[in-house]
Each structure stands twice: as C-alpha cells, then as structure tokens.
Amino acid sequence: MTRARSIPALAVLIATTGLLSACYLPTMDMKKQTTMRMAVPNGMFERAIEADPYNITVFERIRQKNTIANVYIEGGQVIWDDFIREREVATPTNPLALHMATRDKADNIIWLARPCQFSYAPKIDGSACTREEWANGRFSVTNLRAMNAALDNVKAKYGFTGFNLIGVQDGAGVAVHLAAARKDILSLRTVSGVLDTDVLPHEKHETFVDKTSNNPGIHAAALAQLPQQHFIGQWADDVGPGMAQTFRSHAGNSPCIRVSEVQGVTDEKGWVNRWPDLLKTPLDCKAGMAPAQ
C-alpha cells in the first residue's frame, strides 16, 4: 500500500517542482534591473521611442552630437512557457548586445531593443505583443519599419550624420535590413548573426520565421560595397560559419565583407571580454577574408 501511494505522490512532487521552477523564471522586473546594472555605470541612460505600433526601449551614451554613432541591435530568444507573459519571453535573459555596447569606448553609443523587448508597455495603444510579432515575424515589415523609425528618431534628436550598425544574433538580421533601407549606414558588424534564414537548419527554421518575415539574405548583393565584418563563434551551436559564407557568396565574394571565426566562444558566451579587441579588426574594402581570431 505504501508503495502504491508513493507513485502519485512522486508525480505531484514533480509537477509542483515544475510549477515552482516556471514561477521563478526571470521576470520583466529582473531583466530590467539587469539592463540598468549594465548600462548606467557605463554612462548609458534609458528612454523610450514611440515607433508605431511599438515603444522601443533605448539606452544611449552621447558625448558628441552631429557626428556618427555606433548602434547595437539586441538579439532575442525563442522559448514558450504558459506561466509567464509573452512580453517577458520576448525579452532575452542575457542582453548580449547591451553588454557588448558597454565595452565600446566610442563617443556615441546607442543600444536598441527590438519590438516587444524590455518594456512594460510594448505597444503604443496599450495592447500586448503577440508571439507572432516577436518570434515568427521578427523580420516582418511592421517590425522593421518600427526599428527604422527608431533610428530616424535618434538621428533627428542628436543630428547624427551616419551609423555603424552592430547586430547580435537575430538582431543582425534586423541590422542587414536597416542597412539595405538607409543611406546613412557606414558599416555593418554582426555577432553570431542570423544573416540568411534559408540556411537555418530545418528544425529551427520552422519555429524561427514564417511568411510574415523577410529573409535578410535577399540584401546581400545590394550591400556588397558596404564594409562588413561578420564574427562567428568557434563553438557556435545555432549559427555556424556556413551562413555568413553564404551571405558573402551571394554578395559576389566582395572584398568589403569579412567573415571571422573567433576562437573559444559560443553563440552567446565569451564575446563580451573579446569585444574591445574585435572592434579593432579592420573594417574596409581592402582586407578581404579574415583569419580565425
């Protein structure tokens, strides 16, 4: 009898443990505190930009107006859990692009969250974001227009004449789209970048984008003359060197596009400490392919 009762008791314990684990996943408050601890000590301060239909969260450090700025575009994460709100799932636990931005010593640093990220009020009309907006439709026309409007706001506010874009993970895909749509982009760097969704492994592609999204890879040829540096981790799990090489191939193997494998890092880990040195990597149309670093 004791043994018979222990099995359902064990099942209840497992279910309860799972429920408690879900309840203790990082909340929006915890994620916002993480961004503040990273940004504020490095002189970066938060504001929100209305970019229809979203409120885009921005951290900025501006020391010299009317010049150029380095703009970091955050990556994301694709997980689903019924115990937490979608806006909290859309917001990554580790804002890698922001952490990297804090290591950049340039005069003007802008960090852009993506639509539905790092905001208690992600949409201007007060409604919540849907999973389709921040996951499958991450490269949708609506999202890309909002990010473009956010850059327009930054440019008008500070009088910037040009931007160097740095995109991390799927934020890299957004950066590619922005570079193709604008005339004020001076260079493009990506880290573990999703540059061509057609090259994603099949099992990831089905959950990553749908018909509402646009493949960044379609812009490769149009951006062939833009100085670019695409960094890929030696131990990357999701985004290997093949994607960046395919992007470069579609650009006609332009000498303006460098692909570098960085030793000892994964898709997410190891980049922050290496970033100040990686920023010194030549970014022009003369160097051509880069060796592993």
Protein backbone atom coordinates (compact mmCIF):
# COMPACT_ATOMS: atom_id res chain seq x y z
CA MET A 1 0.00 0.00 0.00
CA THR A 2 2.80 2.40 0.87
CA ARG A 3 4.48 1.74 -2.46
CA ALA A 4 1.25 2.23 -4.38
CA ARG A 5 0.67 5.63 -2.78
CA SER A 6 4.27 6.78 -3.38
CA ILE A 7 3.94 6.88 -7.18
CA PRO A 8 1.17 9.50 -7.36
CA ALA A 9 2.88 11.39 -4.56
CA LEU A 10 6.06 11.48 -6.64
CA ALA A 11 4.07 12.70 -9.63
CA VAL A 12 2.61 15.54 -7.56
CA LEU A 13 6.08 16.46 -6.32
CA ILE A 14 7.46 16.58 -9.88
CA ALA A 15 4.54 18.67 -11.10
CA THR A 16 4.86 21.05 -8.16
CA THR A 17 8.60 21.42 -8.72
CA GLY A 18 7.99 22.23 -12.39
CA LEU A 19 5.39 24.82 -11.45
CA LEU A 20 7.70 26.48 -8.95
CA SER A 21 10.55 26.50 -11.49
CA ALA A 22 8.31 28.21 -14.01
CA CYS A 23 7.21 30.78 -11.45
CA TYR A 24 10.84 31.59 -10.72
CA LEU A 25 11.85 32.24 -14.31
CA PRO A 26 13.26 35.78 -14.61
CA THR A 27 10.51 38.39 -14.66
CA MET A 28 10.48 41.65 -16.58
CA ASP A 29 11.47 43.47 -13.39
CA MET A 30 14.53 41.25 -13.02
CA LYS A 31 15.50 41.69 -16.67
CA LYS A 32 15.10 45.46 -16.46
CA GLN A 33 17.32 45.52 -13.37
CA THR A 34 19.95 43.58 -15.32
CA THR A 35 19.98 46.21 -18.06
CA MET A 36 20.26 49.04 -15.54
CA ARG A 37 23.19 47.38 -13.76
CA MET A 38 24.98 47.01 -17.09
CA ALA A 39 24.21 50.36 -18.66
CA VAL A 40 24.06 53.07 -16.01
CA PRO A 41 27.57 52.58 -14.56
CA ASN A 42 28.83 52.96 -18.16
CA GLY A 43 27.04 56.25 -18.70
CA MET A 44 24.19 54.82 -20.78
CA PHE A 45 20.71 56.01 -19.91
CA GLU A 46 17.30 54.72 -20.88
CA ARG A 47 14.48 56.29 -22.84
CA ALA A 48 11.55 55.02 -24.89
CA ILE A 49 10.92 55.87 -28.53
CA GLU A 50 7.42 55.72 -30.00
CA ALA A 51 7.80 53.85 -33.27
CA ASP A 52 4.34 52.86 -34.44
CA PRO A 53 2.98 50.49 -33.27
CA TYR A 54 5.68 49.86 -30.63
CA ASN A 55 7.52 51.58 -27.82
CA ILE A 56 11.19 50.83 -28.49
CA THR A 57 13.48 50.74 -25.45
CA VAL A 58 16.79 52.53 -25.95
CA PHE A 59 19.95 53.04 -23.88
CA GLU A 60 22.25 55.86 -25.02
CA ARG A 61 25.60 57.43 -24.22
CA ILE A 62 26.04 60.62 -26.23
CA ARG A 63 29.23 62.65 -25.90
CA GLN A 64 29.40 64.38 -29.27
CA LYS A 65 26.37 65.34 -31.33
CA ASN A 66 26.32 65.90 -35.09
CA THR A 67 28.86 63.15 -35.79
CA ILE A 68 28.43 59.37 -36.05
CA ALA A 69 27.22 56.72 -33.61
CA ASN A 70 27.69 53.00 -33.04
CA VAL A 71 24.26 51.36 -32.88
CA TYR A 72 23.81 47.95 -31.23
CA ILE A 73 20.71 45.90 -32.02
CA GLU A 74 19.72 43.28 -29.46
CA GLY A 75 19.15 39.62 -30.19
CA GLY A 76 16.32 37.53 -28.85
CA GLN A 77 15.26 34.15 -27.65
CA VAL A 78 12.59 31.69 -28.68
CA ILE A 79 11.08 29.89 -25.71
CA TRP A 80 7.49 29.37 -24.74
CA ASP A 81 6.04 28.95 -21.29
CA ASP A 82 2.41 29.30 -20.30
CA PHE A 83 3.33 30.55 -16.84
CA ILE A 84 4.88 33.86 -17.92
CA ARG A 85 3.73 36.71 -20.12
CA GLU A 86 4.74 36.89 -23.76
CA ARG A 87 6.47 40.25 -23.32
CA GLU A 88 8.74 38.63 -20.75
CA VAL A 89 9.51 35.73 -23.07
CA ALA A 90 10.30 38.14 -25.91
CA THR A 91 12.90 39.82 -23.70
CA PRO A 92 16.17 37.85 -23.52
CA THR A 93 17.56 36.99 -20.11
CA ASN A 94 21.05 37.86 -21.31
CA PRO A 95 21.07 41.15 -23.29
CA LEU A 96 24.32 40.31 -25.04
CA ALA A 97 24.29 43.30 -27.39
CA LEU A 98 23.86 45.70 -24.47
CA HIS A 99 26.67 44.05 -22.54
CA MET A 100 28.93 44.39 -25.58
CA ALA A 101 27.87 48.01 -26.05
CA THR A 102 29.09 48.83 -22.54
CA ARG A 103 32.59 47.71 -23.61
CA ASP A 104 32.63 50.04 -26.62
CA LYS A 105 34.62 53.25 -25.91
CA ALA A 106 33.28 55.25 -28.86
CA ASP A 107 31.85 58.69 -28.10
CA ASN A 108 28.31 57.85 -29.13
CA ILE A 109 26.73 54.51 -28.28
CA ILE A 110 23.11 53.61 -28.97
CA TRP A 111 21.52 50.31 -27.95
CA LEU A 112 18.15 49.42 -29.46
CA ALA A 113 15.92 46.74 -28.02
CA ARG A 114 13.68 45.05 -30.54
CA PRO A 115 9.89 45.39 -30.65
CA CYS A 116 8.23 43.85 -27.57
CA GLN A 117 11.51 43.64 -25.60
CA PHE A 118 12.38 45.27 -22.27
CA SER A 119 9.17 47.27 -21.98
CA TYR A 120 6.25 47.24 -19.56
CA ALA A 121 4.15 48.88 -22.30
CA PRO A 122 5.46 47.33 -25.51
CA LYS A 123 2.77 48.79 -27.79
CA ILE A 124 1.68 52.40 -28.05
CA ASP A 125 -2.03 51.56 -27.86
CA GLY A 126 -1.55 49.61 -24.63
CA SER A 127 -2.15 46.18 -26.14
CA ALA A 128 0.18 43.25 -25.62
CA CYS A 129 2.51 41.84 -28.23
CA THR A 130 1.65 38.50 -29.74
CA ARG A 131 4.05 35.64 -30.22
CA GLU A 132 3.77 36.09 -33.99
CA GLU A 133 5.11 39.65 -33.67
CA TRP A 134 8.28 38.91 -31.73
CA ALA A 135 9.06 35.35 -32.80
CA ASN A 136 7.94 34.14 -36.22
CA GLY A 137 7.52 37.68 -37.52
CA ARG A 138 10.74 39.10 -36.13
CA PHE A 139 11.73 40.37 -39.60
CA SER A 140 8.22 41.46 -40.55
CA VAL A 141 7.63 44.73 -42.39
CA THR A 142 5.93 46.18 -39.29
CA ASN A 143 8.87 45.37 -37.02
CA LEU A 144 11.45 46.64 -39.50
CA ARG A 145 9.57 49.90 -40.04
CA ALA A 146 9.47 50.45 -36.29
CA MET A 147 13.22 49.89 -35.97
CA ASN A 148 13.85 52.23 -38.88
CA ALA A 149 11.66 54.87 -37.24
CA ALA A 150 13.64 54.47 -34.00
CA LEU A 151 16.86 55.20 -35.90
CA ASP A 152 15.22 58.23 -37.51
CA ASN A 153 14.32 59.49 -34.03
CA VAL A 154 17.89 59.08 -32.80
CA LYS A 155 19.26 60.84 -35.87
CA ALA A 156 16.89 63.79 -35.51
CA LYS A 157 17.48 64.15 -31.77
CA TYR A 158 21.29 64.23 -31.95
CA GLY A 159 21.99 65.31 -35.51
CA PHE A 160 24.00 62.21 -36.37
CA THR A 161 25.39 62.04 -39.89
CA GLY A 162 25.88 58.28 -40.01
CA PHE A 163 25.67 54.99 -38.13
CA ASN A 164 27.87 51.94 -37.64
CA LEU A 165 25.49 49.04 -37.07
CA ILE A 166 26.31 46.10 -34.78
CA GLY A 167 23.72 43.32 -34.78
CA VAL A 168 23.78 40.35 -32.44
CA GLN A 169 22.12 37.01 -33.29
CA ASP A 170 18.76 37.74 -34.98
CA GLY A 171 19.40 41.43 -34.28
CA ALA A 172 21.98 41.03 -37.04
CA GLY A 173 19.20 40.23 -39.49
CA VAL A 174 17.44 43.44 -38.48
CA ALA A 175 20.72 45.33 -38.99
CA VAL A 176 21.04 43.91 -42.52
CA HIS A 177 17.52 45.06 -43.39
CA LEU A 178 18.21 48.54 -41.97
CA ALA A 179 21.49 48.82 -43.87
CA ALA A 180 19.68 47.99 -47.11
CA ALA A 181 16.92 50.52 -46.46
CA ARG A 182 19.02 53.53 -45.41
CA LYS A 183 21.66 55.80 -46.96
CA ASP A 184 23.38 56.74 -43.68
CA ILE A 185 24.84 53.34 -42.74
CA LEU A 186 28.64 53.44 -42.80
CA SER A 187 29.45 49.87 -41.78
CA LEU A 188 27.95 46.62 -40.52
CA ARG A 189 29.24 44.20 -37.89
CA THR A 190 27.42 41.07 -36.75
CA VAL A 191 27.98 38.56 -33.97
CA SER A 192 26.54 35.04 -34.33
CA GLY A 193 24.32 36.72 -36.87
CA VAL A 194 21.20 35.30 -38.50
CA LEU A 195 22.02 36.59 -41.98
CA ASP A 196 20.10 34.15 -44.17
CA THR A 197 17.10 32.26 -42.85
CA ASP A 198 17.18 29.92 -45.84
CA VAL A 199 20.39 28.48 -44.38
CA LEU A 200 18.93 27.79 -40.95
CA PRO A 201 18.74 24.10 -40.03
CA HIS A 202 15.29 22.82 -40.99
CA GLU A 203 14.24 22.05 -37.41
CA LYS A 204 15.00 25.65 -36.39
CA HIS A 205 13.57 27.30 -39.50
CA GLU A 206 10.02 26.11 -38.85
CA THR A 207 9.91 27.83 -35.45
CA PHE A 208 12.00 30.84 -36.40
CA VAL A 209 10.27 32.65 -39.23
CA ASP A 210 7.09 32.36 -41.24
CA LYS A 211 5.59 34.04 -44.29
CA THR A 212 5.29 37.36 -42.40
CA SER A 213 9.07 37.66 -42.21
CA ASN A 214 11.68 38.69 -44.73
CA ASN A 215 14.95 36.87 -45.22
CA PRO A 216 17.91 39.23 -44.60
CA GLY A 217 19.89 37.26 -47.17
CA ILE A 218 17.99 38.88 -50.03
CA HIS A 219 20.02 42.06 -49.45
CA ALA A 220 23.49 40.50 -49.74
CA ALA A 221 24.18 41.68 -53.30
CA ALA A 222 22.83 45.19 -52.65
CA LEU A 223 25.19 45.56 -49.68
CA ALA A 224 28.28 44.20 -51.43
CA GLN A 225 30.10 47.55 -51.26
CA LEU A 226 29.32 48.25 -47.59
CA PRO A 227 32.24 47.49 -45.22
CA GLN A 228 31.19 44.47 -43.16
CA GLN A 229 32.62 42.16 -40.52
CA HIS A 230 30.73 39.02 -39.53
CA PHE A 231 32.00 37.27 -36.39
CA ILE A 232 31.14 33.62 -35.80
CA GLY A 233 31.98 31.64 -32.66
CA GLN A 234 34.23 28.60 -32.90
CA TRP A 235 31.76 26.61 -30.81
CA ALA A 236 28.56 28.12 -32.18
CA ASP A 237 25.59 25.75 -31.98
CA ASP A 238 22.89 27.59 -33.90
CA VAL A 239 24.75 29.88 -36.31
CA GLY A 240 27.84 28.38 -37.88
CA PRO A 241 30.22 29.89 -40.44
CA GLY A 242 28.21 28.50 -43.34
CA MET A 243 25.53 31.16 -43.03
CA ALA A 244 27.94 34.09 -43.17
CA GLN A 245 29.87 32.48 -46.02
CA THR A 246 26.63 32.01 -47.95
CA PHE A 247 25.77 35.67 -47.39
CA ARG A 248 29.22 36.69 -48.66
CA SER A 249 28.89 34.38 -51.66
CA HIS A 250 25.57 35.97 -52.60
CA ALA A 251 27.34 39.33 -52.46
CA GLY A 252 29.77 38.11 -55.12
CA ASN A 253 32.53 37.39 -52.58
CA SER A 254 33.02 41.11 -52.17
CA PRO A 255 36.34 42.22 -50.61
CA CYS A 256 34.27 44.55 -48.40
CA ILE A 257 32.86 41.56 -46.50
CA ARG A 258 34.97 39.72 -43.95
CA VAL A 259 33.94 36.56 -42.09
CA SER A 260 35.95 35.75 -38.95
CA GLU A 261 35.76 32.69 -36.74
CA VAL A 262 36.52 33.68 -33.15
CA GLN A 263 38.23 31.00 -31.09
CA GLY A 264 36.86 29.85 -27.75
CA VAL A 265 33.38 31.38 -27.94
CA THR A 266 29.86 30.03 -28.48
CA ASP A 267 26.73 31.70 -29.85
CA GLU A 268 26.41 33.70 -26.61
CA LYS A 269 29.37 33.09 -24.31
CA GLY A 270 32.82 34.61 -24.48
CA TRP A 271 32.05 37.65 -26.63
CA VAL A 272 31.98 40.42 -24.04
CA ASN A 273 35.61 40.20 -22.92
CA ARG A 274 36.81 39.77 -26.50
CA TRP A 275 34.76 42.63 -27.90
CA PRO A 276 37.13 45.59 -27.33
CA ASP A 277 39.82 43.79 -29.34
CA LEU A 278 37.39 42.56 -32.00
CA LEU A 279 36.29 46.14 -32.57
CA LYS A 280 39.84 46.87 -33.75
CA THR A 281 39.55 44.36 -36.61
CA PRO A 282 39.99 46.16 -39.97
CA LEU A 283 36.68 47.26 -41.45
CA ASP A 284 37.18 48.36 -45.04
CA CYS A 285 37.06 47.08 -48.61
CA LYS A 286 40.75 46.20 -48.80
CA ALA A 287 41.38 43.44 -46.28
CA GLY A 288 39.20 40.70 -47.77
CA MET A 289 38.77 37.40 -45.90
CA ALA A 290 39.90 37.32 -42.29
CA PRO A 291 41.74 34.54 -40.48
CA ALA A 292 40.38 32.94 -37.33
CA GLN A 293 40.95 35.05 -34.23
